[in-house]
């Protein structure tokens, strides 16, 4: 095993966690903004709970549990998650601007 692979795996793991946190923040923000503007409804409440749960799960995995490279998903899933977080961020900015 080359020396730099552990470092690259840790970078990918942190990138994966950051992407999940971004997706959770987007879901939570969408749900909370719908609750504020339209009032309580089932879907916005569930979006908010899911987004906050995703962020809490990432915080737990990244900081509280023992970080291990063994929990790293397949590289394709990591980059797919990064791409979907970017699409979600662009879509959120687009909805604010437009």
PDB file of N, CA and C in Angstrom:
ATOM      1  N   UNK A   1       0.856  -1.177   0.000  1.00  0.00           N
ATOM      2  CA  UNK A   1       0.000   0.000   0.000  1.00  0.00           C
ATOM      3  C   UNK A   1       0.898   1.236   0.000  1.00  0.00           C
ATOM      4  N   UNK A   2       0.732   2.130  -0.951  1.00  0.00           N
ATOM      5  CA  UNK A   2       1.534   3.354  -0.969  1.00  0.00           C
ATOM      6  C   UNK A   2       1.251   4.220   0.250  1.00  0.00           C
ATOM      7  N   UNK A   3       2.217   5.044   0.576  1.00  0.00           N
ATOM      8  CA  UNK A   3       2.127   5.849   1.798  1.00  0.00           C
ATOM      9  C   UNK A   3       0.993   6.860   1.733  1.00  0.00           C
ATOM     10  N   UNK A   4       0.743   7.488   0.605  1.00  0.00           N
ATOM     11  CA  UNK A   4      -0.245   8.553   0.509  1.00  0.00           C
ATOM     12  C   UNK A   4      -1.688   8.104   0.471  1.00  0.00           C
ATOM     13  N   UNK A   5      -1.959   6.808   0.410  1.00  0.00           N
ATOM     14  CA  UNK A   5      -3.350   6.373   0.277  1.00  0.00           C
ATOM     15  C   UNK A   5      -4.156   6.620   1.546  1.00  0.00           C
ATOM     16  N   UNK A   6      -3.536   6.500   2.719  1.00  0.00           N
ATOM     17  CA  UNK A   6      -4.272   6.779   3.959  1.00  0.00           C
ATOM     18  C   UNK A   6      -4.684   8.246   4.024  1.00  0.00           C
ATOM     19  N   UNK A   7      -3.799   9.131   3.598  1.00  0.00           N
ATOM     20  CA  UNK A   7      -4.124  10.551   3.600  1.00  0.00           C
ATOM     21  C   UNK A   7      -5.246  10.836   2.619  1.00  0.00           C
ATOM     22  N   UNK A   8      -5.191  10.250   1.436  1.00  0.00           N
ATOM     23  CA  UNK A   8      -6.251  10.458   0.439  1.00  0.00           C
ATOM     24  C   UNK A   8      -7.570   9.870   0.932  1.00  0.00           C
ATOM     25  N   UNK A   9      -7.525   8.734   1.598  1.00  0.00           N
ATOM     26  CA  UNK A   9      -8.753   8.151   2.135  1.00  0.00           C
ATOM     27  C   UNK A   9      -9.371   9.045   3.201  1.00  0.00           C
ATOM     28  N   UNK A  10      -8.543   9.640   4.046  1.00  0.00           N
ATOM     29  CA  UNK A  10      -9.064  10.546   5.073  1.00  0.00           C
ATOM     30  C   UNK A  10      -9.651  11.804   4.440  1.00  0.00           C
ATOM     31  N   UNK A  11      -9.016  12.293   3.378  1.00  0.00           N
ATOM     32  CA  UNK A  11      -9.561  13.463   2.679  1.00  0.00           C
ATOM     33  C   UNK A  11     -10.914  13.113   2.066  1.00  0.00           C
ATOM     34  N   UNK A  12     -11.007  11.944   1.439  1.00  0.00           N
ATOM     35  CA  UNK A  12     -12.284  11.514   0.859  1.00  0.00           C
ATOM     36  C   UNK A  12     -13.346  11.324   1.933  1.00  0.00           C
ATOM     37  N   UNK A  13     -12.956  10.790   3.087  1.00  0.00           N
ATOM     38  CA  UNK A  13     -13.908  10.587   4.169  1.00  0.00           C
ATOM     39  C   UNK A  13     -14.440  11.922   4.683  1.00  0.00           C
ATOM     40  N   UNK A  14     -13.573  12.907   4.845  1.00  0.00           N
ATOM     41  CA  UNK A  14     -14.013  14.223   5.299  1.00  0.00           C
ATOM     42  C   UNK A  14     -14.849  14.926   4.233  1.00  0.00           C
ATOM     43  N   UNK A  15     -14.502  14.733   2.979  1.00  0.00           N
ATOM     44  CA  UNK A  15     -15.291  15.290   1.888  1.00  0.00           C
ATOM     45  C   UNK A  15     -16.683  14.668   1.862  1.00  0.00           C
ATOM     46  N   UNK A  16     -16.763  13.377   2.114  1.00  0.00           N
ATOM     47  CA  UNK A  16     -18.039  12.676   2.173  1.00  0.00           C
ATOM     48  C   UNK A  16     -18.895  13.213   3.315  1.00  0.00           C
ATOM     49  N   UNK A  17     -18.292  13.360   4.501  1.00  0.00           N
ATOM     50  CA  UNK A  17     -19.022  13.898   5.643  1.00  0.00           C
ATOM     51  C   UNK A  17     -19.486  15.327   5.389  1.00  0.00           C
ATOM     52  N   UNK A  18     -18.623  16.140   4.792  1.00  0.00           N
ATOM     53  CA  UNK A  18     -18.998  17.527   4.499  1.00  0.00           C
ATOM     54  C   UNK A  18     -20.150  17.575   3.508  1.00  0.00           C
ATOM     55  N   UNK A  19     -20.140  16.701   2.510  1.00  0.00           N
ATOM     56  CA  UNK A  19     -21.216  16.668   1.524  1.00  0.00           C
ATOM     57  C   UNK A  19     -22.535  16.249   2.165  1.00  0.00           C
ATOM     58  N   UNK A  20     -22.481  15.270   3.049  1.00  0.00           N
ATOM     59  CA  UNK A  20     -23.700  14.862   3.752  1.00  0.00           C
ATOM     60  C   UNK A  20     -24.230  15.985   4.629  1.00  0.00           C
ATOM     61  N   UNK A  21     -23.327  16.717   5.291  1.00  0.00           N
ATOM     62  CA  UNK A  21     -23.757  17.836   6.128  1.00  0.00           C
ATOM     63  C   UNK A  21     -24.383  18.940   5.282  1.00  0.00           C
ATOM     64  N   UNK A  22     -23.825  19.202   4.109  1.00  0.00           N
ATOM     65  CA  UNK A  22     -24.393  20.215   3.210  1.00  0.00           C
ATOM     66  C   UNK A  22     -25.781  19.790   2.751  1.00  0.00           C
ATOM     67  N   UNK A  23     -25.934  18.520   2.368  1.00  0.00           N
ATOM     68  CA  UNK A  23     -27.260  18.031   1.960  1.00  0.00           C
ATOM     69  C   UNK A  23     -28.264  18.132   3.109  1.00  0.00           C
ATOM     70  N   UNK A  24     -27.838  17.801   4.320  1.00  0.00           N
ATOM     71  CA  UNK A  24     -28.713  17.927   5.475  1.00  0.00           C
ATOM     72  C   UNK A  24     -29.088  19.371   5.755  1.00  0.00           C
ATOM     73  N   UNK A  25     -28.125  20.270   5.607  1.00  0.00           N
ATOM     74  CA  UNK A  25     -28.409  21.693   5.824  1.00  0.00           C
ATOM     75  C   UNK A  25     -29.393  22.220   4.778  1.00  0.00           C
ATOM     76  N   UNK A  26     -29.250  21.773   3.546  1.00  0.00           N
ATOM     77  CA  UNK A  26     -30.171  22.204   2.491  1.00  0.00           C
ATOM     78  C   UNK A  26     -31.589  21.703   2.789  1.00  0.00           C
ATOM     79  N   UNK A  27     -31.716  20.428   3.159  1.00  0.00           N
ATOM     80  CA  UNK A  27     -33.040  19.886   3.489  1.00  0.00           C
ATOM     81  C   UNK A  27     -33.648  20.591   4.688  1.00  0.00           C
ATOM     82  N   UNK A  28     -32.835  20.796   5.724  1.00  0.00           N
ATOM     83  CA  UNK A  28     -33.337  21.468   6.915  1.00  0.00           C
ATOM     84  C   UNK A  28     -33.753  22.900   6.640  1.00  0.00           C
ATOM     85  N   UNK A  29     -32.957  23.615   5.858  1.00  0.00           N
ATOM     86  CA  UNK A  29     -33.292  25.008   5.535  1.00  0.00           C
ATOM     87  C   UNK A  29     -34.558  25.095   4.692  1.00  0.00           C
ATOM     88  N   UNK A  30     -34.705  24.170   3.737  1.00  0.00           N
ATOM     89  CA  UNK A  30     -35.923  24.163   2.927  1.00  0.00           C
ATOM     90  C   UNK A  30     -37.150  23.906   3.800  1.00  0.00           C
ATOM     91  N   UNK A  31     -37.038  22.941   4.703  1.00  0.00           N
ATOM     92  CA  UNK A  31     -38.163  22.634   5.577  1.00  0.00           C
ATOM     93  C   UNK A  31     -38.489  23.773   6.523  1.00  0.00           C
ATOM     94  N   UNK A  32     -37.458  24.370   7.122  1.00  0.00           N
ATOM     95  CA  UNK A  32     -37.699  25.469   8.051  1.00  0.00           C
ATOM     96  C   UNK A  32     -38.258  26.701   7.356  1.00  0.00           C
ATOM     97  N   UNK A  33     -37.790  26.976   6.142  1.00  0.00           N
ATOM     98  CA  UNK A  33     -38.341  28.131   5.430  1.00  0.00           C
ATOM     99  C   UNK A  33     -39.798  27.904   5.048  1.00  0.00           C
ATOM    100  N   UNK A  34     -40.156  26.669   4.728  1.00  0.00           N
ATOM    101  CA  UNK A  34     -41.559  26.369   4.427  1.00  0.00           C
ATOM    102  C   UNK A  34     -42.420  26.470   5.678  1.00  0.00           C
ATOM    103  N   UNK A  35     -41.885  26.052   6.803  1.00  0.00           N
ATOM    104  CA  UNK A  35     -42.641  26.157   8.059  1.00  0.00           C
ATOM    105  C   UNK A  35     -42.876  27.619   8.407  1.00  0.00           C
ATOM    106  N   UNK A  36     -41.840  28.446   8.244  1.00  0.00           N
ATOM    107  CA  UNK A  36     -41.971  29.862   8.583  1.00  0.00           C
ATOM    108  C   UNK A  36     -42.955  30.563   7.648  1.00  0.00           C
ATOM    109  N   UNK A  37     -42.893  30.260   6.346  1.00  0.00           N
ATOM    110  CA  UNK A  37     -43.735  30.976   5.391  1.00  0.00           C
ATOM    111  C   UNK A  37     -45.154  30.430   5.297  1.00  0.00           C
ATOM    112  N   UNK A  38     -45.328  29.122   5.419  1.00  0.00           N
ATOM    113  CA  UNK A  38     -46.638  28.516   5.188  1.00  0.00           C
ATOM    114  C   UNK A  38     -47.285  27.945   6.439  1.00  0.00           C
ATOM    115  N   UNK A  39     -46.542  27.813   7.514  1.00  0.00           N
ATOM    116  CA  UNK A  39     -47.087  27.202   8.718  1.00  0.00           C
ATOM    117  C   UNK A  39     -46.742  25.722   8.780  1.00  0.00           C
ATOM    118  N   UNK A  40     -47.224  25.080   9.827  1.00  0.00           N
ATOM    119  CA  UNK A  40     -46.914  23.673  10.033  1.00  0.00           C
ATOM    120  C   UNK A  40     -47.634  22.789   9.029  1.00  0.00           C
ATOM    121  N   UNK A  41     -46.873  21.896   8.442  1.00  0.00           N
ATOM    122  CA  UNK A  41     -47.410  20.856   7.572  1.00  0.00           C
ATOM    123  C   UNK A  41     -46.480  19.655   7.713  1.00  0.00           C
ATOM    124  N   UNK A  42     -46.938  18.510   7.309  1.00  0.00           N
ATOM    125  CA  UNK A  42     -46.185  17.284   7.524  1.00  0.00           C
ATOM    126  C   UNK A  42     -44.858  17.270   6.775  1.00  0.00           C
ATOM    127  N   UNK A  43     -44.869  17.594   5.491  1.00  0.00           N
ATOM    128  CA  UNK A  43     -43.660  17.500   4.671  1.00  0.00           C
ATOM    129  C   UNK A  43     -42.560  18.454   5.135  1.00  0.00           C
ATOM    130  N   UNK A  44     -42.841  19.735   5.381  1.00  0.00           N
ATOM    131  CA  UNK A  44     -41.766  20.598   5.872  1.00  0.00           C
ATOM    132  C   UNK A  44     -41.209  20.181   7.230  1.00  0.00           C
ATOM    133  N   UNK A  45     -42.065  19.680   8.099  1.00  0.00           N
ATOM    134  CA  UNK A  45     -41.591  19.220   9.404  1.00  0.00           C
ATOM    135  C   UNK A  45     -40.667  18.019   9.234  1.00  0.00           C
ATOM    136  N   UNK A  46     -41.047  17.080   8.366  1.00  0.00           N
ATOM    137  CA  UNK A  46     -40.204  15.918   8.131  1.00  0.00           C
ATOM    138  C   UNK A  46     -38.897  16.300   7.441  1.00  0.00           C
ATOM    139  N   UNK A  47     -38.937  17.271   6.520  1.00  0.00           N
ATOM    140  CA  UNK A  47     -37.701  17.758   5.900  1.00  0.00           C
ATOM    141  C   UNK A  47     -36.773  18.357   6.947  1.00  0.00           C
ATOM    142  N   UNK A  48     -37.326  19.129   7.848  1.00  0.00           N
ATOM    143  CA  UNK A  48     -36.510  19.745   8.893  1.00  0.00           C
ATOM    144  C   UNK A  48     -35.906  18.689   9.819  1.00  0.00           C
ATOM    145  N   UNK A  49     -36.701  17.739  10.222  1.00  0.00           N
ATOM    146  CA  UNK A  49     -36.210  16.678  11.092  1.00  0.00           C
ATOM    147  C   UNK A  49     -35.133  15.855  10.385  1.00  0.00           C
ATOM    148  N   UNK A  50     -35.366  15.526   9.130  1.00  0.00           N
ATOM    149  CA  UNK A  50     -34.388  14.754   8.374  1.00  0.00           C
ATOM    150  C   UNK A  50     -33.079  15.499   8.173  1.00  0.00           C
ATOM    151  N   UNK A  51     -33.171  16.782   7.857  1.00  0.00           N
ATOM    152  CA  UNK A  51     -31.960  17.575   7.656  1.00  0.00           C
ATOM    153  C   UNK A  51     -31.159  17.715   8.934  1.00  0.00           C
ATOM    154  N   UNK A  52     -31.843  17.989  10.031  1.00  0.00           N
ATOM    155  CA  UNK A  52     -31.152  18.110  11.314  1.00  0.00           C
ATOM    156  C   UNK A  52     -30.576  16.753  11.731  1.00  0.00           C
ATOM    157  N   UNK A  53     -31.293  15.684  11.433  1.00  0.00           N
ATOM    158  CA  UNK A  53     -30.787  14.341  11.732  1.00  0.00           C
ATOM    159  C   UNK A  53     -29.552  13.993  10.923  1.00  0.00           C
ATOM    160  N   UNK A  54     -29.523  14.413   9.660  1.00  0.00           N
ATOM    161  CA  UNK A  54     -28.328  14.166   8.844  1.00  0.00           C
ATOM    162  C   UNK A  54     -27.122  14.902   9.411  1.00  0.00           C
ATOM    163  N   UNK A  55     -27.328  16.149   9.799  1.00  0.00           N
ATOM    164  CA  UNK A  55     -26.226  16.924  10.364  1.00  0.00           C
ATOM    165  C   UNK A  55     -25.766  16.300  11.684  1.00  0.00           C
ATOM    166  N   UNK A  56     -26.704  15.882  12.523  1.00  0.00           N
ATOM    167  CA  UNK A  56     -26.346  15.247  13.794  1.00  0.00           C
ATOM    168  C   UNK A  56     -25.592  13.935  13.559  1.00  0.00           C
ATOM    169  N   UNK A  57     -25.998  13.179  12.560  1.00  0.00           N
ATOM    170  CA  UNK A  57     -25.301  11.934  12.236  1.00  0.00           C
ATOM    171  C   UNK A  57     -23.880  12.174  11.758  1.00  0.00           C
ATOM    172  N   UNK A  58     -23.700  13.206  10.956  1.00  0.00           N
ATOM    173  CA  UNK A  58     -22.358  13.541  10.479  1.00  0.00           C
ATOM    174  C   UNK A  58     -21.480  13.993  11.637  1.00  0.00           C
ATOM    175  N   UNK A  59     -22.031  14.831  12.507  1.00  0.00           N
ATOM    176  CA  UNK A  59     -21.257  15.296  13.672  1.00  0.00           C
ATOM    177  C   UNK A  59     -20.862  14.104  14.538  1.00  0.00           C
ATOM    178  N   UNK A  60     -21.776  13.196  14.752  1.00  0.00           N
ATOM    179  CA  UNK A  60     -21.460  12.013  15.556  1.00  0.00           C
ATOM    180  C   UNK A  60     -20.366  11.183  14.898  1.00  0.00           C
ATOM    181  N   UNK A  61     -20.521  10.888  13.611  1.00  0.00           N
ATOM    182  CA  UNK A  61     -19.545  10.046  12.912  1.00  0.00           C
ATOM    183  C   UNK A  61     -18.179  10.705  12.826  1.00  0.00           C
ATOM    184  N   UNK A  62     -18.159  12.016  12.598  1.00  0.00           N
ATOM    185  CA  UNK A  62     -16.887  12.689  12.372  1.00  0.00           C
ATOM    186  C   UNK A  62     -16.155  13.007  13.666  1.00  0.00           C
ATOM    187  N   UNK A  63     -16.881  13.332  14.733  1.00  0.00           N
ATOM    188  CA  UNK A  63     -16.212  13.829  15.922  1.00  0.00           C
ATOM    189  C   UNK A  63     -16.331  12.942  17.148  1.00  0.00           C
ATOM    190  N   UNK A  64     -17.443  12.250  17.316  1.00  0.00           N
ATOM    191  CA  UNK A  64     -17.664  11.504  18.550  1.00  0.00           C
ATOM    192  C   UNK A  64     -17.220  10.050  18.422  1.00  0.00           C
ATOM    193  N   UNK A  65     -17.621   9.374  17.362  1.00  0.00           N
ATOM    194  CA  UNK A  65     -17.216   7.980  17.201  1.00  0.00           C
ATOM    195  C   UNK A  65     -15.753   7.928  16.775  1.00  0.00           C
ATOM    196  N   UNK A  66     -15.157   6.785  16.904  1.00  0.00           N
ATOM    197  CA  UNK A  66     -13.753   6.669  16.512  1.00  0.00           C
ATOM    198  C   UNK A  66     -13.675   6.674  14.982  1.00  0.00           C
ATOM    199  N   UNK A  67     -13.029   7.689  14.406  1.00  0.00           N
ATOM    200  CA  UNK A  67     -12.967   7.755  12.945  1.00  0.00           C
ATOM    201  C   UNK A  67     -12.119   6.620  12.387  1.00  0.00           C
ATOM    202  N   UNK A  68     -12.648   5.975  11.402  1.00  0.00           N
ATOM    203  CA  UNK A  68     -11.951   4.854  10.789  1.00  0.00           C
ATOM    204  C   UNK A  68     -12.111   4.927   9.289  1.00  0.00           C
ATOM    205  N   UNK A  69     -11.066   4.596   8.599  1.00  0.00           N
ATOM    206  CA  UNK A  69     -11.117   4.581   7.143  1.00  0.00           C
ATOM    207  C   UNK A  69     -11.976   3.406   6.668  1.00  0.00           C
ATOM    208  N   UNK A  70     -12.199   2.421   7.554  1.00  0.00           N
ATOM    209  CA  UNK A  70     -13.015   1.268   7.186  1.00  0.00           C
ATOM    210  C   UNK A  70     -14.457   1.659   6.884  1.00  0.00           C
ATOM    211  N   UNK A  71     -14.922   2.805   7.398  1.00  0.00           N
ATOM    212  CA  UNK A  71     -16.296   3.237   7.165  1.00  0.00           C
ATOM    213  C   UNK A  71     -16.441   4.009   5.862  1.00  0.00           C
ATOM    214  N   UNK A  72     -15.351   4.216   5.145  1.00  0.00           N
ATOM    215  CA  UNK A  72     -15.387   4.962   3.896  1.00  0.00           C
ATOM    216  C   UNK A  72     -16.159   4.176   2.842  1.00  0.00           C
ATOM    217  N   UNK A  73     -17.204   4.779   2.258  1.00  0.00           N
ATOM    218  CA  UNK A  73     -17.924   4.074   1.198  1.00  0.00           C
ATOM    219  C   UNK A  73     -17.096   4.035  -0.086  1.00  0.00           C
ATOM    220  N   UNK A  74     -17.629   3.379  -1.064  1.00  0.00           N
ATOM    221  CA  UNK A  74     -16.965   3.281  -2.355  1.00  0.00           C
ATOM    222  C   UNK A  74     -16.676   4.675  -2.912  1.00  0.00           C
ATOM    223  N   UNK A  75     -15.587   4.805  -3.622  1.00  0.00           N
ATOM    224  CA  UNK A  75     -15.168   6.110  -4.145  1.00  0.00           C
ATOM    225  C   UNK A  75     -16.222   6.719  -5.064  1.00  0.00           C
ATOM    226  N   UNK A  76     -16.922   5.891  -5.815  1.00  0.00           N
ATOM    227  CA  UNK A  76     -17.972   6.414  -6.699  1.00  0.00           C
ATOM    228  C   UNK A  76     -19.103   7.044  -5.905  1.00  0.00           C
ATOM    229  N   UNK A  77     -19.460   6.447  -4.764  1.00  0.00           N
ATOM    230  CA  UNK A  77     -20.505   7.003  -3.913  1.00  0.00           C
ATOM    231  C   UNK A  77     -20.059   8.325  -3.288  1.00  0.00           C
ATOM    232  N   UNK A  78     -18.784   8.409  -2.923  1.00  0.00           N
ATOM    233  CA  UNK A  78     -18.258   9.652  -2.359  1.00  0.00           C
ATOM    234  C   UNK A  78     -18.407  10.777  -3.377  1.00  0.00           C
ATOM    235  N   UNK A  79     -17.971  10.548  -4.600  1.00  0.00           N
ATOM    236  CA  UNK A  79     -18.019  11.607  -5.608  1.00  0.00           C
ATOM    237  C   UNK A  79     -19.446  11.895  -6.057  1.00  0.00           C
ATOM    238  N   UNK A  80     -20.326  10.904  -6.032  1.00  0.00           N
ATOM    239  CA  UNK A  80     -21.730  11.144  -6.334  1.00  0.00           C
ATOM    240  C   UNK A  80     -22.354  12.032  -5.266  1.00  0.00           C
ATOM    241  N   UNK A  81     -22.026  11.772  -4.007  1.00  0.00           N
ATOM    242  CA  UNK A  81     -22.545  12.594  -2.914  1.00  0.00           C
ATOM    243  C   UNK A  81     -22.026  14.019  -3.012  1.00  0.00           C
ATOM    244  N   UNK A  82     -20.756  14.179  -3.360  1.00  0.00           N
ATOM    245  CA  UNK A  82     -20.182  15.513  -3.542  1.00  0.00           C
ATOM    246  C   UNK A  82     -20.899  16.244  -4.678  1.00  0.00           C
ATOM    247  N   UNK A  83     -21.137  15.534  -5.780  1.00  0.00           N
ATOM    248  CA  UNK A  83     -21.807  16.155  -6.929  1.00  0.00           C
ATOM    249  C   UNK A  83     -23.242  16.551  -6.573  1.00  0.00           C
ATOM    250  N   UNK A  84     -23.960  15.701  -5.848  1.00  0.00           N
ATOM    251  CA  UNK A  84     -25.334  16.035  -5.488  1.00  0.00           C
ATOM    252  C   UNK A  84     -25.392  17.174  -4.475  1.00  0.00           C
ATOM    253  N   UNK A  85     -24.405  17.269  -3.592  1.00  0.00           N
ATOM    254  CA  UNK A  85     -24.347  18.415  -2.677  1.00  0.00           C
ATOM    255  C   UNK A  85     -24.108  19.699  -3.459  1.00  0.00           C
ATOM    256  N   UNK A  86     -23.260  19.625  -4.480  1.00  0.00           N
ATOM    257  CA  UNK A  86     -23.015  20.806  -5.317  1.00  0.00           C
ATOM    258  C   UNK A  86     -24.273  21.190  -6.087  1.00  0.00           C
ATOM    259  N   UNK A  87     -24.972  20.207  -6.638  1.00  0.00           N
ATOM    260  CA  UNK A  87     -26.219  20.487  -7.360  1.00  0.00           C
ATOM    261  C   UNK A  87     -27.255  21.084  -6.407  1.00  0.00           C
ATOM    262  N   UNK A  88     -27.352  20.543  -5.208  1.00  0.00           N
ATOM    263  CA  UNK A  88     -28.288  21.079  -4.220  1.00  0.00           C
ATOM    264  C   UNK A  88     -27.943  22.509  -3.824  1.00  0.00           C
ATOM    265  N   UNK A  89     -26.661  22.775  -3.655  1.00  0.00           N
ATOM    266  CA  UNK A  89     -26.243  24.137  -3.326  1.00  0.00           C
ATOM    267  C   UNK A  89     -26.528  25.115  -4.446  1.00  0.00           C
ATOM    268  N   UNK A  90     -26.248  24.706  -5.672  1.00  0.00           N
ATOM    269  CA  UNK A  90     -26.542  25.563  -6.832  1.00  0.00           C
ATOM    270  C   UNK A  90     -28.039  25.782  -6.963  1.00  0.00           C
ATOM    271  N   UNK A  91     -28.821  24.726  -6.750  1.00  0.00           N
ATOM    272  CA  UNK A  91     -30.279  24.864  -6.817  1.00  0.00           C
ATOM    273  C   UNK A  91     -30.821  25.769  -5.722  1.00  0.00           C
ATOM    274  N   UNK A  92     -30.246  25.686  -4.525  1.00  0.00           N
ATOM    275  CA  UNK A  92     -30.683  26.567  -3.452  1.00  0.00           C
ATOM    276  C   UNK A  92     -30.361  28.013  -3.730  1.00  0.00           C
ATOM    277  N   UNK A  93     -29.174  28.255  -4.250  1.00  0.00           N
ATOM    278  CA  UNK A  93     -28.802  29.643  -4.616  1.00  0.00           C
ATOM    279  C   UNK A  93     -29.694  30.140  -5.742  1.00  0.00           C
ATOM    280  N   UNK A  94     -29.957  29.277  -6.712  1.00  0.00           N
ATOM    281  CA  UNK A  94     -30.802  29.656  -7.842  1.00  0.00           C
ATOM    282  C   UNK A  94     -32.209  30.024  -7.379  1.00  0.00           C
ATOM    283  N   UNK A  95     -32.749  29.258  -6.423  1.00  0.00           N
ATOM    284  CA  UNK A  95     -34.099  29.573  -5.935  1.00  0.00           C
ATOM    285  C   UNK A  95     -34.128  30.877  -5.141  1.00  0.00           C
ATOM    286  N   UNK A  96     -33.025  31.221  -4.478  1.00  0.00           N
ATOM    287  CA  UNK A  96     -32.970  32.500  -3.775  1.00  0.00           C
ATOM    288  C   UNK A  96     -32.865  33.666  -4.731  1.00  0.00           C
ATOM    289  N   UNK A  97     -32.087  33.500  -5.782  1.00  0.00           N
ATOM    290  CA  UNK A  97     -31.874  34.587  -6.747  1.00  0.00           C
ATOM    291  C   UNK A  97     -33.073  34.750  -7.648  1.00  0.00           C
ATOM    292  N   UNK A  98     -33.633  33.643  -8.122  1.00  0.00           N
ATOM    293  CA  UNK A  98     -34.699  33.698  -9.124  1.00  0.00           C
ATOM    294  C   UNK A  98     -36.043  33.809  -8.614  1.00  0.00           C
TER     295      UNK A  98
END
